[in-house]
Amino acid sequence: MPRISATKQAILAAALELGASHGISGTTMDEVAERARVAKGSVYYNFASKDKLFEELLTTGVGSLSDTLRAARESAAGFAAIEAMVTDMLTLIAENRALAKMMAAEIFRTDRAWQNTTSGLRREAVAEIGTALLPLVPAGTSESSRLLMAGGIFGATLMGGLEWLLFTPDTPVTEVAAAILFTFSGGLAKGATP
């Protein structure tokens, strides 16, 4: 992996901070340059456009998420793999709050220049969960249904993680994971308590 310059790192960090607080649409390249404490020309030297800048941020973030989910899936089997994936995804969200906030706002949008890139990476992340679901779903479950289930777990974990960080950040990650997993384990349908 090529080494990233300090200037490029500063630009990415500034864009992430601004994108998380103002949204991508509400962030300008001038603001990124000012926050990064670099000349505007340096921003454009490293990134041809705002779209390219945020595409790199989102691509890196979603790629990291896929790697985290893959490692969690490979660490366990059955429902334990789903538990590990949800817990590790929540941990990643907690460690990268600004990126998680920006991803939640952008990952399902279809009108962005980077949509094809992030869409493919999101499919990879959901496919990891879908692979973990293979031994858990009834025989004859269609691939599209299994991937919808995986997308539900992905979406609930991402949004549940943001809800947690915004409103109850002192709750331990294990408790947040247990609450999210409870809804997928059939506990609600059985009338059980978490």
Protein backbone atom coordinates (compact mmCIF):
# COMPACT_ATOMS: atom_id res chain seq x y z
CA MET A 1 0.00 0.00 0.00
CA PRO A 2 1.53 3.34 -0.99
CA ARG A 3 2.40 5.75 1.74
CA ILE A 4 0.09 8.71 2.10
CA SER A 5 1.61 12.18 2.52
CA ALA A 6 0.99 14.28 5.63
CA THR A 7 -0.78 16.87 3.47
CA LYS A 8 -3.15 14.29 2.01
CA GLN A 9 -3.81 12.87 5.49
CA ALA A 10 -4.64 16.36 6.78
CA ILE A 11 -7.00 16.95 3.85
CA LEU A 12 -8.78 13.63 4.39
CA ALA A 13 -9.10 14.26 8.14
CA ALA A 14 -10.49 17.75 7.55
CA ALA A 15 -12.96 16.50 4.94
CA LEU A 16 -14.10 13.73 7.26
CA GLU A 17 -14.67 16.11 10.15
CA LEU A 18 -16.51 18.64 7.99
CA GLY A 19 -18.49 16.01 6.09
CA ALA A 20 -19.68 14.45 9.33
CA SER A 21 -20.75 17.76 10.84
CA HIS A 22 -22.09 19.63 7.77
CA GLY A 23 -22.79 16.82 5.34
CA ILE A 24 -20.92 16.36 2.09
CA SER A 25 -23.17 18.77 0.21
CA GLY A 26 -22.65 21.38 2.89
CA THR A 27 -18.86 21.14 2.78
CA THR A 28 -16.75 23.19 0.40
CA MET A 29 -13.20 22.64 -0.79
CA ASP A 30 -12.34 26.07 0.67
CA GLU A 31 -13.47 24.86 4.10
CA VAL A 32 -11.48 21.65 3.71
CA ALA A 33 -8.34 23.63 2.83
CA GLU A 34 -8.87 25.99 5.76
CA ARG A 35 -9.50 23.15 8.25
CA ALA A 36 -6.51 21.19 6.94
CA ARG A 37 -4.37 24.34 7.06
CA VAL A 38 -3.21 23.88 3.49
CA ALA A 39 -3.54 25.94 0.35
CA LYS A 40 -6.62 25.30 -1.75
CA GLY A 41 -4.27 24.29 -4.58
CA SER A 42 -2.94 21.48 -2.39
CA VAL A 43 -6.45 20.13 -1.98
CA TYR A 44 -6.95 20.10 -5.76
CA TYR A 45 -3.47 18.68 -6.35
CA ASN A 46 -4.40 15.66 -4.20
CA PHE A 47 -8.03 15.41 -5.28
CA ALA A 48 -9.34 16.61 -8.64
CA SER A 49 -12.75 17.40 -7.16
CA LYS A 50 -14.83 17.28 -4.01
CA ASP A 51 -16.45 14.13 -5.39
CA LYS A 52 -13.04 12.44 -5.66
CA LEU A 53 -12.11 13.51 -2.13
CA PHE A 54 -15.26 12.10 -0.55
CA GLU A 55 -15.21 9.03 -2.76
CA GLU A 56 -11.81 8.14 -1.32
CA LEU A 57 -13.04 8.68 2.23
CA LEU A 58 -16.13 6.54 1.74
CA THR A 59 -14.29 3.86 -0.23
CA THR A 60 -11.68 3.49 2.49
CA GLY A 61 -14.34 3.37 5.20
CA VAL A 62 -16.60 0.82 3.54
CA GLY A 63 -13.57 -1.28 2.55
CA SER A 64 -12.43 -1.33 6.18
CA LEU A 65 -15.93 -2.37 7.20
CA SER A 66 -15.88 -5.30 4.77
CA ASP A 67 -12.51 -6.43 6.14
CA THR A 68 -13.83 -6.21 9.72
CA LEU A 69 -16.94 -8.22 8.85
CA ARG A 70 -14.91 -10.86 7.00
CA ALA A 71 -12.55 -11.33 9.94
CA ALA A 72 -15.48 -11.59 12.37
CA ARG A 73 -17.28 -14.10 10.13
CA GLU A 74 -14.18 -16.26 9.89
CA SER A 75 -13.70 -16.18 13.68
CA ALA A 76 -16.88 -18.11 14.50
CA ALA A 77 -19.63 -20.30 13.08
CA GLY A 78 -23.42 -20.24 13.09
CA PHE A 79 -25.18 -17.47 14.98
CA ALA A 80 -21.91 -16.78 16.85
CA ALA A 81 -20.53 -15.45 13.55
CA ILE A 82 -23.46 -13.01 13.29
CA GLU A 83 -22.88 -11.98 16.92
CA ALA A 84 -19.19 -11.36 16.21
CA MET A 85 -20.00 -9.39 13.07
CA VAL A 86 -22.52 -7.13 14.84
CA THR A 87 -20.19 -6.57 17.81
CA ASP A 88 -17.15 -5.86 15.64
CA MET A 89 -19.14 -3.54 13.37
CA LEU A 90 -20.36 -1.61 16.41
CA THR A 91 -16.80 -1.39 17.73
CA LEU A 92 -15.62 -0.06 14.36
CA ILE A 93 -18.45 2.50 14.36
CA ALA A 94 -17.48 3.64 17.87
CA GLU A 95 -13.85 4.01 16.83
CA ASN A 96 -14.77 5.95 13.67
CA ARG A 97 -17.82 8.02 14.64
CA ALA A 98 -17.40 10.74 12.03
CA LEU A 99 -16.98 8.22 9.22
CA ALA A 100 -19.94 6.16 10.44
CA LYS A 101 -22.14 9.25 10.52
CA MET A 102 -21.10 10.22 7.00
CA MET A 103 -21.51 6.64 5.73
CA ALA A 104 -25.00 6.38 7.18
CA ALA A 105 -25.99 9.57 5.39
CA GLU A 106 -24.39 8.61 2.08
CA ILE A 107 -24.29 4.85 1.63
CA PHE A 108 -27.90 4.50 0.49
CA ARG A 109 -27.95 7.59 -1.75
CA THR A 110 -28.19 6.98 -5.47
CA ASP A 111 -27.44 10.45 -6.79
CA ARG A 112 -23.75 10.75 -5.98
CA ALA A 113 -20.72 10.51 -8.26
CA TRP A 114 -19.22 7.83 -6.02
CA GLN A 115 -22.39 5.73 -5.86
CA ASN A 116 -21.05 2.93 -8.07
CA THR A 117 -17.92 2.59 -5.96
CA THR A 118 -19.63 2.65 -2.56
CA SER A 119 -22.47 0.50 -3.81
CA GLY A 120 -20.06 -2.24 -4.79
CA LEU A 121 -18.27 -2.03 -1.46
CA ARG A 122 -21.59 -2.06 0.42
CA ARG A 123 -22.54 -5.19 -1.50
CA GLU A 124 -19.27 -6.76 -0.32
CA ALA A 125 -20.08 -5.92 3.31
CA VAL A 126 -23.63 -7.27 3.02
CA ALA A 127 -22.34 -10.37 1.22
CA GLU A 128 -20.10 -11.13 4.21
CA ILE A 129 -23.16 -11.15 6.46
CA GLY A 130 -25.06 -13.14 3.82
CA THR A 131 -22.32 -15.78 3.82
CA ALA A 132 -22.58 -16.08 7.61
CA LEU A 133 -26.34 -16.56 7.22
CA LEU A 134 -26.00 -19.52 4.81
CA PRO A 135 -26.08 -22.25 7.50
CA LEU A 136 -28.78 -20.43 9.49
CA VAL A 137 -31.55 -19.87 6.95
CA PRO A 138 -34.01 -22.60 6.00
CA ALA A 139 -33.16 -24.74 2.99
CA GLY A 140 -34.69 -23.29 -0.14
CA THR A 141 -34.32 -19.66 0.98
CA SER A 142 -33.57 -17.65 -2.12
CA GLU A 143 -30.32 -15.75 -2.40
CA SER A 144 -32.22 -12.49 -2.72
CA SER A 145 -34.11 -13.17 0.53
CA ARG A 146 -30.88 -14.10 2.32
CA LEU A 147 -29.20 -10.92 1.10
CA LEU A 148 -32.22 -8.88 2.20
CA MET A 149 -31.83 -10.41 5.65
CA ALA A 150 -28.13 -9.55 5.56
CA GLY A 151 -28.96 -6.00 4.48
CA GLY A 152 -31.38 -5.74 7.38
CA ILE A 153 -28.67 -6.78 9.84
CA PHE A 154 -26.21 -4.37 8.22
CA GLY A 155 -28.66 -1.45 8.26
CA ALA A 156 -29.90 -2.12 11.80
CA THR A 157 -26.35 -2.36 13.10
CA LEU A 158 -25.22 0.82 11.32
CA MET A 159 -28.25 2.85 12.39
CA GLY A 160 -28.42 1.26 15.84
CA GLY A 161 -24.75 2.09 16.30
CA LEU A 162 -25.34 5.74 15.42
CA GLU A 163 -28.39 5.87 17.68
CA TRP A 164 -26.23 4.47 20.48
CA LEU A 165 -23.38 6.94 19.95
CA LEU A 166 -25.71 9.95 19.73
CA PHE A 167 -28.13 9.21 22.54
CA THR A 168 -26.72 6.58 24.92
CA PRO A 169 -22.94 6.61 24.39
CA ASP A 170 -22.21 5.28 27.90
CA THR A 171 -23.92 1.97 27.12
CA PRO A 172 -21.32 -0.81 26.75
CA VAL A 173 -20.88 -2.15 23.21
CA THR A 174 -21.82 -5.65 24.40
CA GLU A 175 -25.20 -4.37 25.60
CA VAL A 176 -25.82 -2.54 22.32
CA ALA A 177 -24.89 -5.65 20.34
CA ALA A 178 -27.16 -7.80 22.52
CA ALA A 179 -30.09 -5.43 21.96
CA ILE A 180 -29.62 -5.44 18.20
CA LEU A 181 -29.09 -9.21 18.05
CA PHE A 182 -32.18 -9.82 20.19
CA THR A 183 -34.34 -8.57 17.36
CA PHE A 184 -32.73 -11.04 14.93
CA SER A 185 -32.72 -14.04 17.25
CA GLY A 186 -36.49 -14.33 17.39
CA GLY A 187 -36.64 -13.09 20.96
CA LEU A 188 -39.26 -10.47 20.17
CA ALA A 189 -41.52 -12.99 18.44
CA LYS A 190 -41.20 -15.37 21.40
CA GLY A 191 -41.98 -12.63 23.92
CA ALA A 192 -38.65 -13.20 25.65
CA THR A 193 -36.70 -10.56 27.53
CA PRO A 194 -33.16 -9.57 26.50
